[in-house]
Amino acid sequence: MRDRIARALVWMLRLLLPAQGRHAATPAPEPSTEPTPANPWSRPWTGPTKEEAAEFFRQQAKTTLELHAIRERRRAAVLATMGTDYPYSYPGDPFPASAFDAVAVSA
């Protein structure tokens, strides 16, 4: 029993006390030749300026309007193939939207 207690005590002392002798110190690591990457948090934000952001949103608005017009034309074409009038209008349209109101046609 005393032997187990002594071994446990020696084991605990080895963990808690620093090592001594020739091999106690760990060798210093060799300096690396590769450059360390820059920390992204060490420099200020490099995002778009106010003017760049405003121009981006202007372009997005223009694209969105063009896509909306294309979608509306396609919808009108599909409904026309089914025999339904779609109140498709555009600037300079010769017919007002009221011309497309459903009118009962007697046959």
PDB file of N, CA and C in Angstrom:
ATOM      1  N   MET A   1       0.820  -1.183   0.000  1.00  0.00           N
ATOM      2  CA  MET A   1       0.000   0.000   0.000  1.00  0.00           C
ATOM      3  C   MET A   1       0.868   1.252   0.000  1.00  0.00           C
ATOM      4  N   ARG A   2       1.954   1.212   0.823  1.00  0.00           N
ATOM      5  CA  ARG A   2       2.845   2.366   0.872  1.00  0.00           C
ATOM      6  C   ARG A   2       3.514   2.607  -0.472  1.00  0.00           C
ATOM      7  N   ASP A   3       3.782   1.530  -1.217  1.00  0.00           N
ATOM      8  CA  ASP A   3       4.425   1.660  -2.512  1.00  0.00           C
ATOM      9  C   ASP A   3       3.495   2.410  -3.491  1.00  0.00           C
ATOM     10  N   ARG A   4       2.199   2.084  -3.475  1.00  0.00           N
ATOM     11  CA  ARG A   4       1.248   2.768  -4.345  1.00  0.00           C
ATOM     12  C   ARG A   4       1.118   4.241  -3.980  1.00  0.00           C
ATOM     13  N   ILE A   5       1.137   4.521  -2.691  1.00  0.00           N
ATOM     14  CA  ILE A   5       1.046   5.918  -2.248  1.00  0.00           C
ATOM     15  C   ILE A   5       2.290   6.687  -2.677  1.00  0.00           C
ATOM     16  N   ALA A   6       3.454   6.080  -2.558  1.00  0.00           N
ATOM     17  CA  ALA A   6       4.703   6.729  -2.944  1.00  0.00           C
ATOM     18  C   ALA A   6       4.735   6.983  -4.452  1.00  0.00           C
ATOM     19  N   ARG A   7       4.295   5.987  -5.233  1.00  0.00           N
ATOM     20  CA  ARG A   7       4.279   6.176  -6.689  1.00  0.00           C
ATOM     21  C   ARG A   7       3.299   7.279  -7.098  1.00  0.00           C
ATOM     22  N   ALA A   8       2.156   7.323  -6.443  1.00  0.00           N
ATOM     23  CA  ALA A   8       1.173   8.368  -6.747  1.00  0.00           C
ATOM     24  C   ALA A   8       1.733   9.739  -6.384  1.00  0.00           C
ATOM     25  N   LEU A   9       2.437   9.836  -5.251  1.00  0.00           N
ATOM     26  CA  LEU A   9       3.033  11.095  -4.837  1.00  0.00           C
ATOM     27  C   LEU A   9       4.116  11.544  -5.831  1.00  0.00           C
ATOM     28  N   VAL A  10       4.960  10.628  -6.272  1.00  0.00           N
ATOM     29  CA  VAL A  10       6.007  10.960  -7.242  1.00  0.00           C
ATOM     30  C   VAL A  10       5.366  11.414  -8.562  1.00  0.00           C
ATOM     31  N   TRP A  11       4.326  10.710  -8.978  1.00  0.00           N
ATOM     32  CA  TRP A  11       3.635  11.072 -10.214  1.00  0.00           C
ATOM     33  C   TRP A  11       3.043  12.474 -10.121  1.00  0.00           C
ATOM     34  N   MET A  12       2.430  12.796  -8.963  1.00  0.00           N
ATOM     35  CA  MET A  12       1.849  14.125  -8.773  1.00  0.00           C
ATOM     36  C   MET A  12       2.932  15.211  -8.749  1.00  0.00           C
ATOM     37  N   LEU A  13       4.063  14.921  -8.101  1.00  0.00           N
ATOM     38  CA  LEU A  13       5.137  15.906  -8.051  1.00  0.00           C
ATOM     39  C   LEU A  13       5.728  16.157  -9.440  1.00  0.00           C
ATOM     40  N   ARG A  14       5.792  15.112 -10.274  1.00  0.00           N
ATOM     41  CA  ARG A  14       6.299  15.296 -11.628  1.00  0.00           C
ATOM     42  C   ARG A  14       5.376  16.189 -12.458  1.00  0.00           C
ATOM     43  N   LEU A  15       4.086  16.078 -12.186  1.00  0.00           N
ATOM     44  CA  LEU A  15       3.135  16.926 -12.905  1.00  0.00           C
ATOM     45  C   LEU A  15       3.208  18.374 -12.436  1.00  0.00           C
ATOM     46  N   LEU A  16       3.359  18.576 -11.146  1.00  0.00           N
ATOM     47  CA  LEU A  16       3.280  19.918 -10.592  1.00  0.00           C
ATOM     48  C   LEU A  16       4.593  20.690 -10.634  1.00  0.00           C
ATOM     49  N   LEU A  17       5.717  20.035 -10.456  1.00  0.00           N
ATOM     50  CA  LEU A  17       7.006  20.728 -10.395  1.00  0.00           C
ATOM     51  C   LEU A  17       7.651  20.758 -11.778  1.00  0.00           C
ATOM     52  N   PRO A  18       8.414  21.805 -12.078  1.00  0.00           N
ATOM     53  CA  PRO A  18       9.078  21.870 -13.378  1.00  0.00           C
ATOM     54  C   PRO A  18      10.184  20.827 -13.477  1.00  0.00           C
ATOM     55  N   ALA A  19      10.426  20.404 -14.697  1.00  0.00           N
ATOM     56  CA  ALA A  19      11.464  19.402 -14.926  1.00  0.00           C
ATOM     57  C   ALA A  19      12.834  20.041 -14.786  1.00  0.00           C
ATOM     58  N   GLN A  20      13.831  19.214 -14.480  1.00  0.00           N
ATOM     59  CA  GLN A  20      15.198  19.695 -14.345  1.00  0.00           C
ATOM     60  C   GLN A  20      16.105  18.846 -15.216  1.00  0.00           C
ATOM     61  N   GLY A  21      17.243  19.379 -15.543  1.00  0.00           N
ATOM     62  CA  GLY A  21      18.195  18.596 -16.311  1.00  0.00           C
ATOM     63  C   GLY A  21      18.416  19.177 -17.691  1.00  0.00           C
ATOM     64  N   ARG A  22      19.191  18.441 -18.462  1.00  0.00           N
ATOM     65  CA  ARG A  22      19.607  18.907 -19.759  1.00  0.00           C
ATOM     66  C   ARG A  22      18.456  18.968 -20.773  1.00  0.00           C
ATOM     67  N   HIS A  23      17.519  18.070 -20.685  1.00  0.00           N
ATOM     68  CA  HIS A  23      16.423  18.007 -21.640  1.00  0.00           C
ATOM     69  C   HIS A  23      15.144  18.666 -21.126  1.00  0.00           C
ATOM     70  N   ALA A  24      15.266  19.438 -20.104  1.00  0.00           N
ATOM     71  CA  ALA A  24      14.070  20.026 -19.505  1.00  0.00           C
ATOM     72  C   ALA A  24      13.455  21.115 -20.393  1.00  0.00           C
ATOM     73  N   ALA A  25      14.290  21.947 -20.947  1.00  0.00           N
ATOM     74  CA  ALA A  25      13.781  23.060 -21.742  1.00  0.00           C
ATOM     75  C   ALA A  25      13.431  22.571 -23.145  1.00  0.00           C
ATOM     76  N   THR A  26      12.344  23.067 -23.656  1.00  0.00           N
ATOM     77  CA  THR A  26      11.980  22.715 -25.026  1.00  0.00           C
ATOM     78  C   THR A  26      12.797  23.590 -25.974  1.00  0.00           C
ATOM     79  N   PRO A  27      13.232  23.041 -27.082  1.00  0.00           N
ATOM     80  CA  PRO A  27      14.029  23.848 -28.009  1.00  0.00           C
ATOM     81  C   PRO A  27      13.179  24.965 -28.604  1.00  0.00           C
ATOM     82  N   ALA A  28      13.830  26.078 -28.874  1.00  0.00           N
ATOM     83  CA  ALA A  28      13.136  27.224 -29.463  1.00  0.00           C
ATOM     84  C   ALA A  28      12.732  26.871 -30.893  1.00  0.00           C
ATOM     85  N   PRO A  29      11.520  27.196 -31.267  1.00  0.00           N
ATOM     86  CA  PRO A  29      11.103  26.880 -32.639  1.00  0.00           C
ATOM     87  C   PRO A  29      11.865  27.726 -33.654  1.00  0.00           C
ATOM     88  N   GLU A  30      12.135  27.108 -34.800  1.00  0.00           N
ATOM     89  CA  GLU A  30      12.852  27.824 -35.843  1.00  0.00           C
ATOM     90  C   GLU A  30      11.916  28.852 -36.477  1.00  0.00           C
ATOM     91  N   PRO A  31      12.438  30.025 -36.777  1.00  0.00           N
ATOM     92  CA  PRO A  31      11.573  31.031 -37.406  1.00  0.00           C
ATOM     93  C   PRO A  31      11.154  30.577 -38.802  1.00  0.00           C
ATOM     94  N   SER A  32       9.882  30.755 -39.103  1.00  0.00           N
ATOM     95  CA  SER A  32       9.375  30.318 -40.404  1.00  0.00           C
ATOM     96  C   SER A  32       9.747  31.346 -41.475  1.00  0.00           C
ATOM     97  N   THR A  33       9.947  30.839 -42.671  1.00  0.00           N
ATOM     98  CA  THR A  33      10.301  31.727 -43.778  1.00  0.00           C
ATOM     99  C   THR A  33       9.063  32.263 -44.486  1.00  0.00           C
ATOM    100  N   GLU A  34       7.875  31.676 -44.215  1.00  0.00           N
ATOM    101  CA  GLU A  34       6.649  32.128 -44.852  1.00  0.00           C
ATOM    102  C   GLU A  34       6.124  33.383 -44.146  1.00  0.00           C
ATOM    103  N   PRO A  35       5.667  34.362 -44.903  1.00  0.00           N
ATOM    104  CA  PRO A  35       5.118  35.559 -44.257  1.00  0.00           C
ATOM    105  C   PRO A  35       3.770  35.224 -43.617  1.00  0.00           C
ATOM    106  N   THR A  36       3.534  35.805 -42.486  1.00  0.00           N
ATOM    107  CA  THR A  36       2.267  35.559 -41.805  1.00  0.00           C
ATOM    108  C   THR A  36       1.182  36.391 -42.475  1.00  0.00           C
ATOM    109  N   PRO A  37      -0.003  35.820 -42.632  1.00  0.00           N
ATOM    110  CA  PRO A  37      -1.079  36.586 -43.278  1.00  0.00           C
ATOM    111  C   PRO A  37      -1.502  37.761 -42.403  1.00  0.00           C
ATOM    112  N   ALA A  38      -1.874  38.834 -43.049  1.00  0.00           N
ATOM    113  CA  ALA A  38      -2.297  40.026 -42.313  1.00  0.00           C
ATOM    114  C   ALA A  38      -3.646  39.758 -41.649  1.00  0.00           C
ATOM    115  N   ASN A  39      -3.815  40.270 -40.476  1.00  0.00           N
ATOM    116  CA  ASN A  39      -5.065  40.124 -39.755  1.00  0.00           C
ATOM    117  C   ASN A  39      -6.109  41.033 -40.411  1.00  0.00           C
ATOM    118  N   PRO A  40      -7.252  40.488 -40.860  1.00  0.00           N
ATOM    119  CA  PRO A  40      -8.236  41.339 -41.521  1.00  0.00           C
ATOM    120  C   PRO A  40      -8.853  42.374 -40.592  1.00  0.00           C
ATOM    121  N   TRP A  41      -8.788  42.154 -39.301  1.00  0.00           N
ATOM    122  CA  TRP A  41      -9.371  43.102 -38.351  1.00  0.00           C
ATOM    123  C   TRP A  41      -8.434  44.264 -38.043  1.00  0.00           C
ATOM    124  N   SER A  42      -7.192  44.196 -38.535  1.00  0.00           N
ATOM    125  CA  SER A  42      -6.241  45.259 -38.210  1.00  0.00           C
ATOM    126  C   SER A  42      -6.333  46.461 -39.152  1.00  0.00           C
ATOM    127  N   ARG A  43      -7.065  46.343 -40.254  1.00  0.00           N
ATOM    128  CA  ARG A  43      -7.202  47.470 -41.177  1.00  0.00           C
ATOM    129  C   ARG A  43      -8.675  47.905 -41.238  1.00  0.00           C
ATOM    130  N   PRO A  44      -8.939  49.102 -41.650  1.00  0.00           N
ATOM    131  CA  PRO A  44     -10.320  49.591 -41.682  1.00  0.00           C
ATOM    132  C   PRO A  44     -11.125  48.937 -42.796  1.00  0.00           C
ATOM    133  N   TRP A  45     -12.420  49.125 -42.734  1.00  0.00           N
ATOM    134  CA  TRP A  45     -13.345  48.565 -43.726  1.00  0.00           C
ATOM    135  C   TRP A  45     -13.027  49.120 -45.105  1.00  0.00           C
ATOM    136  N   THR A  46     -12.972  48.234 -46.076  1.00  0.00           N
ATOM    137  CA  THR A  46     -12.655  48.654 -47.440  1.00  0.00           C
ATOM    138  C   THR A  46     -13.829  48.393 -48.376  1.00  0.00           C
ATOM    139  N   GLY A  47     -15.030  48.571 -47.876  1.00  0.00           N
ATOM    140  CA  GLY A  47     -16.226  48.334 -48.672  1.00  0.00           C
ATOM    141  C   GLY A  47     -16.496  49.466 -49.637  1.00  0.00           C
ATOM    142  N   PRO A  48     -17.629  49.375 -50.338  1.00  0.00           N
ATOM    143  CA  PRO A  48     -17.940  50.408 -51.326  1.00  0.00           C
ATOM    144  C   PRO A  48     -18.247  51.743 -50.665  1.00  0.00           C
ATOM    145  N   THR A  49     -17.993  52.803 -51.397  1.00  0.00           N
ATOM    146  CA  THR A  49     -18.299  54.134 -50.889  1.00  0.00           C
ATOM    147  C   THR A  49     -19.797  54.390 -51.056  1.00  0.00           C
ATOM    148  N   LYS A  50     -20.251  55.511 -50.529  1.00  0.00           N
ATOM    149  CA  LYS A  50     -21.660  55.865 -50.628  1.00  0.00           C
ATOM    150  C   LYS A  50     -22.081  56.018 -52.083  1.00  0.00           C
ATOM    151  N   GLU A  51     -21.233  56.646 -52.889  1.00  0.00           N
ATOM    152  CA  GLU A  51     -21.540  56.860 -54.290  1.00  0.00           C
ATOM    153  C   GLU A  51     -21.596  55.530 -55.052  1.00  0.00           C
ATOM    154  N   GLU A  52     -20.655  54.623 -54.764  1.00  0.00           N
ATOM    155  CA  GLU A  52     -20.655  53.321 -55.421  1.00  0.00           C
ATOM    156  C   GLU A  52     -21.905  52.523 -55.068  1.00  0.00           C
ATOM    157  N   ALA A  53     -22.313  52.574 -53.806  1.00  0.00           N
ATOM    158  CA  ALA A  53     -23.512  51.858 -53.386  1.00  0.00           C
ATOM    159  C   ALA A  53     -24.757  52.440 -54.043  1.00  0.00           C
ATOM    160  N   ALA A  54     -24.840  53.769 -54.133  1.00  0.00           N
ATOM    161  CA  ALA A  54     -25.997  54.409 -54.765  1.00  0.00           C
ATOM    162  C   ALA A  54     -26.078  54.006 -56.235  1.00  0.00           C
ATOM    163  N   GLU A  55     -24.951  53.977 -56.938  1.00  0.00           N
ATOM    164  CA  GLU A  55     -24.936  53.580 -58.340  1.00  0.00           C
ATOM    165  C   GLU A  55     -25.353  52.116 -58.496  1.00  0.00           C
ATOM    166  N   PHE A  56     -24.890  51.268 -57.597  1.00  0.00           N
ATOM    167  CA  PHE A  56     -25.278  49.855 -57.639  1.00  0.00           C
ATOM    168  C   PHE A  56     -26.788  49.704 -57.520  1.00  0.00           C
ATOM    169  N   PHE A  57     -27.400  50.412 -56.569  1.00  0.00           N
ATOM    170  CA  PHE A  57     -28.841  50.298 -56.382  1.00  0.00           C
ATOM    171  C   PHE A  57     -29.616  50.921 -57.549  1.00  0.00           C
ATOM    172  N   ARG A  58     -29.077  51.960 -58.183  1.00  0.00           N
ATOM    173  CA  ARG A  58     -29.719  52.518 -59.369  1.00  0.00           C
ATOM    174  C   ARG A  58     -29.739  51.490 -60.505  1.00  0.00           C
ATOM    175  N   GLN A  59     -28.624  50.801 -60.697  1.00  0.00           N
ATOM    176  CA  GLN A  59     -28.548  49.768 -61.727  1.00  0.00           C
ATOM    177  C   GLN A  59     -29.505  48.619 -61.415  1.00  0.00           C
ATOM    178  N   GLN A  60     -29.591  48.250 -60.145  1.00  0.00           N
ATOM    179  CA  GLN A  60     -30.505  47.179 -59.745  1.00  0.00           C
ATOM    180  C   GLN A  60     -31.943  47.578 -60.037  1.00  0.00           C
ATOM    181  N   ALA A  61     -32.317  48.815 -59.758  1.00  0.00           N
ATOM    182  CA  ALA A  61     -33.683  49.278 -59.996  1.00  0.00           C
ATOM    183  C   ALA A  61     -34.003  49.236 -61.483  1.00  0.00           C
ATOM    184  N   LYS A  62     -33.042  49.656 -62.317  1.00  0.00           N
ATOM    185  CA  LYS A  62     -33.259  49.649 -63.762  1.00  0.00           C
ATOM    186  C   LYS A  62     -33.449  48.209 -64.254  1.00  0.00           C
ATOM    187  N   THR A  63     -32.616  47.292 -63.781  1.00  0.00           N
ATOM    188  CA  THR A  63     -32.719  45.890 -64.180  1.00  0.00           C
ATOM    189  C   THR A  63     -34.042  45.297 -63.722  1.00  0.00           C
ATOM    190  N   THR A  64     -34.465  45.634 -62.503  1.00  0.00           N
ATOM    191  CA  THR A  64     -35.718  45.104 -61.976  1.00  0.00           C
ATOM    192  C   THR A  64     -36.900  45.568 -62.813  1.00  0.00           C
ATOM    193  N   LEU A  65     -36.901  46.838 -63.233  1.00  0.00           N
ATOM    194  CA  LEU A  65     -37.989  47.338 -64.069  1.00  0.00           C
ATOM    195  C   LEU A  65     -38.019  46.642 -65.423  1.00  0.00           C
ATOM    196  N   GLU A  66     -36.838  46.399 -66.002  1.00  0.00           N
ATOM    197  CA  GLU A  66     -36.778  45.701 -67.282  1.00  0.00           C
ATOM    198  C   GLU A  66     -37.303  44.278 -67.144  1.00  0.00           C
ATOM    199  N   LEU A  67     -36.927  43.595 -66.076  1.00  0.00           N
ATOM    200  CA  LEU A  67     -37.402  42.225 -65.862  1.00  0.00           C
ATOM    201  C   LEU A  67     -38.908  42.197 -65.619  1.00  0.00           C
ATOM    202  N   HIS A  68     -39.427  43.215 -64.941  1.00  0.00           N
ATOM    203  CA  HIS A  68     -40.869  43.284 -64.701  1.00  0.00           C
ATOM    204  C   HIS A  68     -41.614  43.435 -66.025  1.00  0.00           C
ATOM    205  N   ALA A  69     -41.105  44.260 -66.925  1.00  0.00           N
ATOM    206  CA  ALA A  69     -41.740  44.445 -68.231  1.00  0.00           C
ATOM    207  C   ALA A  69     -41.707  43.153 -69.039  1.00  0.00           C
ATOM    208  N   ILE A  70     -40.593  42.440 -69.003  1.00  0.00           N
ATOM    209  CA  ILE A  70     -40.484  41.172 -69.729  1.00  0.00           C
ATOM    210  C   ILE A  70     -41.482  40.167 -69.172  1.00  0.00           C
ATOM    211  N   ARG A  71     -41.573  40.086 -67.851  1.00  0.00           N
ATOM    212  CA  ARG A  71     -42.509  39.152 -67.228  1.00  0.00           C
ATOM    213  C   ARG A  71     -43.956  39.491 -67.610  1.00  0.00           C
ATOM    214  N   GLU A  72     -44.270  40.777 -67.655  1.00  0.00           N
ATOM    215  CA  GLU A  72     -45.622  41.187 -67.992  1.00  0.00           C
ATOM    216  C   GLU A  72     -45.944  40.857 -69.451  1.00  0.00           C
ATOM    217  N   ARG A  73     -44.992  41.055 -70.357  1.00  0.00           N
ATOM    218  CA  ARG A  73     -45.211  40.710 -71.761  1.00  0.00           C
ATOM    219  C   ARG A  73     -45.407  39.209 -71.932  1.00  0.00           C
ATOM    220  N   ARG A  74     -44.616  38.414 -71.228  1.00  0.00           N
ATOM    221  CA  ARG A  74     -44.761  36.956 -71.312  1.00  0.00           C
ATOM    222  C   ARG A  74     -46.120  36.507 -70.773  1.00  0.00           C
ATOM    223  N   ARG A  75     -46.536  37.103 -69.675  1.00  0.00           N
ATOM    224  CA  ARG A  75     -47.837  36.762 -69.106  1.00  0.00           C
ATOM    225  C   ARG A  75     -48.948  37.100 -70.097  1.00  0.00           C
ATOM    226  N   ALA A  76     -48.866  38.257 -70.749  1.00  0.00           N
ATOM    227  CA  ALA A  76     -49.870  38.645 -71.738  1.00  0.00           C
ATOM    228  C   ALA A  76     -49.873  37.668 -72.915  1.00  0.00           C
ATOM    229  N   ALA A  77     -48.709  37.215 -73.345  1.00  0.00           N
ATOM    230  CA  ALA A  77     -48.632  36.275 -74.467  1.00  0.00           C
ATOM    231  C   ALA A  77     -49.256  34.932 -74.102  1.00  0.00           C
ATOM    232  N   VAL A  78     -48.981  34.442 -72.896  1.00  0.00           N
ATOM    233  CA  VAL A  78     -49.548  33.155 -72.468  1.00  0.00           C
ATOM    234  C   VAL A  78     -51.063  33.256 -72.368  1.00  0.00           C
ATOM    235  N   LEU A  79     -51.556  34.333 -71.775  1.00  0.00           N
ATOM    236  CA  LEU A  79     -53.000  34.491 -71.659  1.00  0.00           C
ATOM    237  C   LEU A  79     -53.648  34.666 -73.037  1.00  0.00           C
ATOM    238  N   ALA A  80     -52.946  35.302 -73.970  1.00  0.00           N
ATOM    239  CA  ALA A  80     -53.489  35.462 -75.321  1.00  0.00           C
ATOM    240  C   ALA A  80     -53.638  34.111 -76.009  1.00  0.00           C
ATOM    241  N   THR A  81     -52.698  33.189 -75.771  1.00  0.00           N
ATOM    242  CA  THR A  81     -52.818  31.855 -76.368  1.00  0.00           C
ATOM    243  C   THR A  81     -54.001  31.097 -75.782  1.00  0.00           C
ATOM    244  N   MET A  82     -54.434  31.460 -74.585  1.00  0.00           N
ATOM    245  CA  MET A  82     -55.604  30.824 -73.966  1.00  0.00           C
ATOM    246  C   MET A  82     -56.888  31.576 -74.288  1.00  0.00           C
ATOM    247  N   GLY A  83     -56.785  32.666 -75.047  1.00  0.00           N
ATOM    248  CA  GLY A  83     -57.959  33.410 -75.441  1.00  0.00           C
ATOM    249  C   GLY A  83     -58.429  34.420 -74.417  1.00  0.00           C
ATOM    250  N   THR A  84     -57.552  34.823 -73.506  1.00  0.00           N
ATOM    251  CA  THR A  84     -57.914  35.792 -72.473  1.00  0.00           C
ATOM    252  C   THR A  84     -57.167  37.086 -72.722  1.00  0.00           C
ATOM    253  N   ASP A  85     -57.894  38.193 -72.662  1.00  0.00           N
ATOM    254  CA  ASP A  85     -57.232  39.487 -72.812  1.00  0.00           C
ATOM    255  C   ASP A  85     -56.583  39.876 -71.498  1.00  0.00           C
ATOM    256  N   TYR A  86     -55.349  40.298 -71.580  1.00  0.00           N
ATOM    257  CA  TYR A  86     -54.613  40.760 -70.403  1.00  0.00           C
ATOM    258  C   TYR A  86     -54.435  42.259 -70.537  1.00  0.00           C
ATOM    259  N   PRO A  87     -54.765  43.024 -69.495  1.00  0.00           N
ATOM    260  CA  PRO A  87     -54.663  44.491 -69.604  1.00  0.00           C
ATOM    261  C   PRO A  87     -53.209  44.958 -69.591  1.00  0.00           C
ATOM    262  N   TYR A  88     -52.478  44.571 -70.611  1.00  0.00           N
ATOM    263  CA  TYR A  88     -51.068  44.946 -70.723  1.00  0.00           C
ATOM    264  C   TYR A  88     -50.986  46.364 -71.281  1.00  0.00           C
ATOM    265  N   SER A  89     -50.297  47.218 -70.590  1.00  0.00           N
ATOM    266  CA  SER A  89     -50.149  48.594 -71.058  1.00  0.00           C
ATOM    267  C   SER A  89     -48.700  49.024 -70.889  1.00  0.00           C
ATOM    268  N   TYR A  90     -48.339  50.037 -71.599  1.00  0.00           N
ATOM    269  CA  TYR A  90     -46.973  50.554 -71.551  1.00  0.00           C
ATOM    270  C   TYR A  90     -47.031  52.041 -71.874  1.00  0.00           C
ATOM    271  N   PRO A  91     -45.995  52.786 -71.604  1.00  0.00           N
ATOM    272  CA  PRO A  91     -46.000  54.212 -71.927  1.00  0.00           C
ATOM    273  C   PRO A  91     -46.174  54.422 -73.433  1.00  0.00           C
ATOM    274  N   GLY A  92     -47.109  55.281 -73.811  1.00  0.00           N
ATOM    275  CA  GLY A  92     -47.370  55.532 -75.218  1.00  0.00           C
ATOM    276  C   GLY A  92     -48.349  54.535 -75.816  1.00  0.00           C
ATOM    277  N   ASP A  93     -49.001  53.750 -74.982  1.00  0.00           N
ATOM    278  CA  ASP A  93     -49.958  52.743 -75.422  1.00  0.00           C
ATOM    279  C   ASP A  93     -51.156  53.414 -76.099  1.00  0.00           C
ATOM    280  N   PRO A  94     -51.580  52.971 -77.312  1.00  0.00           N
ATOM    281  CA  PRO A  94     -52.715  53.614 -77.973  1.00  0.00           C
ATOM    282  C   PRO A  94     -54.058  53.247 -77.336  1.00  0.00           C
ATOM    283  N   PHE A  95     -54.089  52.156 -76.541  1.00  0.00           N
ATOM    284  CA  PHE A  95     -55.330  51.745 -75.903  1.00  0.00           C
ATOM    285  C   PHE A  95     -55.212  51.895 -74.390  1.00  0.00           C
ATOM    286  N   PRO A  96     -56.166  52.515 -73.725  1.00  0.00           N
ATOM    287  CA  PRO A  96     -56.114  52.595 -72.267  1.00  0.00           C
ATOM    288  C   PRO A  96     -56.447  51.224 -71.661  1.00  0.00           C
ATOM    289  N   ALA A  97     -56.133  51.066 -70.383  1.00  0.00           N
ATOM    290  CA  ALA A  97     -56.389  49.797 -69.712  1.00  0.00           C
ATOM    291  C   ALA A  97     -57.882  49.490 -69.661  1.00  0.00           C
ATOM    292  N   SER A  98     -58.736  50.534 -69.708  1.00  0.00           N
ATOM    293  CA  SER A  98     -60.172  50.295 -69.657  1.00  0.00           C
ATOM    294  C   SER A  98     -60.675  49.611 -70.937  1.00  0.00           C
ATOM    295  N   ALA A  99     -59.917  49.646 -72.017  1.00  0.00           N
ATOM    296  CA  ALA A  99     -60.324  48.987 -73.262  1.00  0.00           C
ATOM    297  C   ALA A  99     -60.289  47.470 -73.116  1.00  0.00           C
ATOM    298  N   PHE A 100     -59.617  46.973 -72.084  1.00  0.00           N
ATOM    299  CA  PHE A 100     -59.495  45.533 -71.897  1.00  0.00           C
ATOM    300  C   PHE A 100     -60.518  44.998 -70.898  1.00  0.00           C
ATOM    301  N   ASP A 101     -61.429  45.836 -70.421  1.00  0.00           N
ATOM    302  CA  ASP A 101     -62.446  45.366 -69.494  1.00  0.00           C
ATOM    303  C   ASP A 101     -63.278  44.280 -70.167  1.00  0.00           C
ATOM    304  N   ALA A 102     -63.673  43.335 -69.366  1.00  0.00           N
ATOM    305  CA  ALA A 102     -64.449  42.216 -69.892  1.00  0.00           C
ATOM    306  C   ALA A 102     -65.796  42.705 -70.387  1.00  0.00           C
ATOM    307  N   VAL A 103     -66.075  42.422 -71.617  1.00  0.00           N
ATOM    308  CA  VAL A 103     -67.336  42.810 -72.223  1.00  0.00           C
ATOM    309  C   VAL A 103     -68.035  41.536 -72.663  1.00  0.00           C
ATOM    310  N   ALA A 104     -69.266  41.390 -72.283  1.00  0.00           N
ATOM    311  CA  ALA A 104     -70.015  40.188 -72.676  1.00  0.00           C
ATOM    312  C   ALA A 104     -70.279  40.239 -74.158  1.00  0.00           C
ATOM    313  N   VAL A 105     -69.839  39.231 -74.846  1.00  0.00           N
ATOM    314  CA  VAL A 105     -70.027  39.164 -76.291  1.00  0.00           C
ATOM    315  C   VAL A 105     -71.126  38.144 -76.548  1.00  0.00           C
ATOM    316  N   SER A 106     -72.140  38.570 -77.236  1.00  0.00           N
ATOM    317  CA  SER A 106     -73.221  37.642 -77.540  1.00  0.00           C
ATOM    318  C   SER A 106     -72.921  36.947 -78.856  1.00  0.00           C
ATOM    319  N   ALA A 107     -73.142  35.695 -78.847  1.00  0.00           N
ATOM    320  CA  ALA A 107     -72.829  34.939 -80.075  1.00  0.00           C
ATOM    321  C   ALA A 107     -74.076  34.496 -80.767  1.00  0.00           C
TER     322      ALA A 107
END
